[in-house]
Amino acid sequence: MNPKKKEVQIVLPEKGKEVTQDEFNNIQEEKMDAMMERHGGERGKNGSRVFTTTEIIRN
């Protein structure tokens, strides 16, 4: 975005609700679990996605 061309105004959201950080973390955890269930895969130690395969490639 080029600020010289156009002035940008930030508008406060009108929908939604305020939640505490703990509530947000719980919601985020539930959403991540749902996504993992939907798309497969497991969660790694640092929260990254781990893909597993059963195919063995031999040269």
N, C-alpha and C. Protein backbone atom coordinates (compact mmCIF):
# COMPACT_ATOMS: atom_id res chain seq x y z
N MET A 1 0.86 -1.17 0.00
CA MET A 1 0.00 0.00 0.00
C MET A 1 0.91 1.23 0.00
N ASN A 2 0.54 2.19 -0.80
CA ASN A 2 1.32 3.40 -0.91
C ASN A 2 0.59 4.54 -0.17
N PRO A 3 1.10 4.96 1.00
CA PRO A 3 0.41 5.99 1.78
C PRO A 3 0.38 7.36 1.12
N LYS A 4 1.24 7.59 0.12
CA LYS A 4 1.26 8.89 -0.55
C LYS A 4 0.02 9.08 -1.43
N LYS A 5 -0.54 7.99 -1.91
CA LYS A 5 -1.66 8.09 -2.83
C LYS A 5 -3.01 8.28 -2.12
N LYS A 6 -3.19 7.62 -0.99
CA LYS A 6 -4.51 7.63 -0.37
C LYS A 6 -4.38 7.56 1.15
N GLU A 7 -5.19 8.33 1.83
CA GLU A 7 -5.21 8.28 3.29
C GLU A 7 -6.09 7.10 3.73
N VAL A 8 -5.60 6.34 4.68
CA VAL A 8 -6.31 5.15 5.14
C VAL A 8 -6.87 5.41 6.53
N GLN A 9 -8.15 5.10 6.71
CA GLN A 9 -8.76 5.23 8.03
C GLN A 9 -9.08 3.84 8.56
N ILE A 10 -8.75 3.62 9.81
CA ILE A 10 -9.05 2.34 10.46
C ILE A 10 -10.40 2.47 11.14
N VAL A 11 -11.31 1.54 10.82
CA VAL A 11 -12.66 1.57 11.37
C VAL A 11 -12.77 0.47 12.43
N LEU A 12 -13.30 0.82 13.59
CA LEU A 12 -13.50 -0.16 14.65
C LEU A 12 -14.58 -1.15 14.24
N PRO A 13 -14.41 -2.43 14.59
CA PRO A 13 -15.43 -3.42 14.24
C PRO A 13 -16.73 -3.18 14.99
N GLU A 14 -17.83 -3.49 14.33
CA GLU A 14 -19.15 -3.33 14.96
C GLU A 14 -19.71 -4.66 15.45
N LYS A 15 -19.20 -5.76 14.92
CA LYS A 15 -19.66 -7.09 15.33
C LYS A 15 -18.63 -7.74 16.24
N GLY A 16 -19.01 -8.85 16.82
CA GLY A 16 -18.08 -9.61 17.64
C GLY A 16 -18.19 -9.24 19.11
N LYS A 17 -17.36 -9.88 19.90
CA LYS A 17 -17.36 -9.60 21.33
C LYS A 17 -15.92 -9.57 21.83
N GLU A 18 -15.73 -8.91 22.93
CA GLU A 18 -14.41 -8.87 23.55
C GLU A 18 -14.21 -10.13 24.36
N VAL A 19 -13.02 -10.69 24.28
CA VAL A 19 -12.69 -11.87 25.07
C VAL A 19 -11.33 -11.64 25.72
N THR A 20 -11.10 -12.36 26.80
CA THR A 20 -9.81 -12.27 27.47
C THR A 20 -8.78 -13.05 26.66
N GLN A 21 -7.51 -12.88 26.99
CA GLN A 21 -6.46 -13.61 26.29
C GLN A 21 -6.61 -15.11 26.48
N ASP A 22 -7.01 -15.55 27.69
CA ASP A 22 -7.21 -16.98 27.94
C ASP A 22 -8.35 -17.53 27.10
N GLU A 23 -9.45 -16.78 27.00
CA GLU A 23 -10.57 -17.21 26.16
C GLU A 23 -10.14 -17.29 24.70
N PHE A 24 -9.38 -16.30 24.25
CA PHE A 24 -8.89 -16.30 22.88
C PHE A 24 -8.02 -17.52 22.61
N ASN A 25 -7.12 -17.81 23.54
CA ASN A 25 -6.23 -18.98 23.39
C ASN A 25 -7.03 -20.27 23.29
N ASN A 26 -8.09 -20.40 24.11
CA ASN A 26 -8.93 -21.59 24.07
C ASN A 26 -9.66 -21.70 22.74
N ILE A 27 -10.19 -20.60 22.25
CA ILE A 27 -10.90 -20.58 20.97
C ILE A 27 -9.92 -20.96 19.86
N GLN A 28 -8.73 -20.38 19.89
CA GLN A 28 -7.73 -20.66 18.87
C GLN A 28 -7.34 -22.15 18.89
N GLU A 29 -7.19 -22.71 20.06
CA GLU A 29 -6.84 -24.13 20.19
C GLU A 29 -7.94 -25.02 19.60
N GLU A 30 -9.20 -24.69 19.90
CA GLU A 30 -10.33 -25.46 19.36
C GLU A 30 -10.37 -25.38 17.84
N LYS A 31 -10.15 -24.19 17.29
CA LYS A 31 -10.17 -24.00 15.84
C LYS A 31 -9.03 -24.77 15.18
N MET A 32 -7.84 -24.75 15.79
CA MET A 32 -6.70 -25.49 15.23
C MET A 32 -6.98 -26.99 15.24
N ASP A 33 -7.56 -27.49 16.33
CA ASP A 33 -7.89 -28.91 16.40
C ASP A 33 -8.91 -29.28 15.33
N ALA A 34 -9.91 -28.43 15.12
CA ALA A 34 -10.92 -28.69 14.09
C ALA A 34 -10.28 -28.70 12.70
N MET A 35 -9.37 -27.78 12.45
CA MET A 35 -8.69 -27.74 11.15
C MET A 35 -7.84 -28.98 10.94
N MET A 36 -7.14 -29.40 11.98
CA MET A 36 -6.30 -30.60 11.88
C MET A 36 -7.16 -31.83 11.59
N GLU A 37 -8.30 -31.90 12.24
CA GLU A 37 -9.21 -33.03 12.03
C GLU A 37 -9.75 -33.02 10.61
N ARG A 38 -10.06 -31.85 10.10
CA ARG A 38 -10.62 -31.71 8.77
C ARG A 38 -9.59 -31.99 7.67
N HIS A 39 -8.37 -31.52 7.86
CA HIS A 39 -7.37 -31.60 6.81
C HIS A 39 -6.31 -32.66 7.06
N GLY A 40 -6.36 -33.34 8.17
CA GLY A 40 -5.35 -34.34 8.47
C GLY A 40 -4.09 -33.72 9.04
N GLY A 41 -3.19 -34.57 9.46
CA GLY A 41 -1.94 -34.07 10.01
C GLY A 41 -1.98 -34.02 11.52
N GLU A 42 -0.82 -33.83 12.08
CA GLU A 42 -0.69 -33.73 13.54
C GLU A 42 0.03 -32.44 13.86
N ARG A 43 -0.04 -32.06 15.10
CA ARG A 43 0.64 -30.84 15.52
C ARG A 43 2.03 -31.18 16.04
N GLY A 44 3.03 -30.41 15.62
CA GLY A 44 4.40 -30.62 16.07
C GLY A 44 4.64 -29.98 17.42
N LYS A 45 5.85 -30.06 17.90
CA LYS A 45 6.19 -29.52 19.22
C LYS A 45 6.00 -28.00 19.30
N ASN A 46 6.29 -27.30 18.21
CA ASN A 46 6.19 -25.85 18.24
C ASN A 46 4.87 -25.35 17.63
N GLY A 47 3.90 -26.25 17.44
CA GLY A 47 2.62 -25.85 16.89
C GLY A 47 2.54 -25.98 15.38
N SER A 48 3.68 -26.31 14.74
CA SER A 48 3.67 -26.45 13.29
C SER A 48 3.03 -27.78 12.91
N ARG A 49 2.65 -27.87 11.68
CA ARG A 49 1.99 -29.06 11.21
C ARG A 49 3.00 -30.13 10.83
N VAL A 50 2.71 -31.37 11.18
CA VAL A 50 3.58 -32.50 10.86
C VAL A 50 2.82 -33.41 9.91
N PHE A 51 3.40 -33.66 8.76
CA PHE A 51 2.77 -34.56 7.80
C PHE A 51 3.40 -35.94 7.91
N THR A 52 2.58 -36.94 7.82
CA THR A 52 3.09 -38.30 7.87
C THR A 52 2.74 -38.99 6.57
N THR A 53 3.57 -39.94 6.20
CA THR A 53 3.30 -40.71 4.99
C THR A 53 3.66 -42.16 5.24
N THR A 54 2.97 -43.04 4.56
CA THR A 54 3.25 -44.47 4.70
C THR A 54 3.95 -45.01 3.47
N GLU A 55 4.15 -44.17 2.47
CA GLU A 55 4.79 -44.59 1.22
C GLU A 55 6.30 -44.63 1.41
N ILE A 56 6.91 -45.73 1.00
CA ILE A 56 8.36 -45.87 1.09
C ILE A 56 8.91 -45.74 -0.33
N ILE A 57 9.85 -44.84 -0.50
CA ILE A 57 10.45 -44.62 -1.81
C ILE A 57 11.84 -45.25 -1.78
N ARG A 58 12.07 -46.17 -2.68
CA ARG A 58 13.36 -46.85 -2.74
C ARG A 58 14.03 -46.53 -4.08
N ASN A 59 15.32 -46.36 -4.05
CA ASN A 59 16.07 -46.08 -5.28
C ASN A 59 16.51 -47.35 -5.94
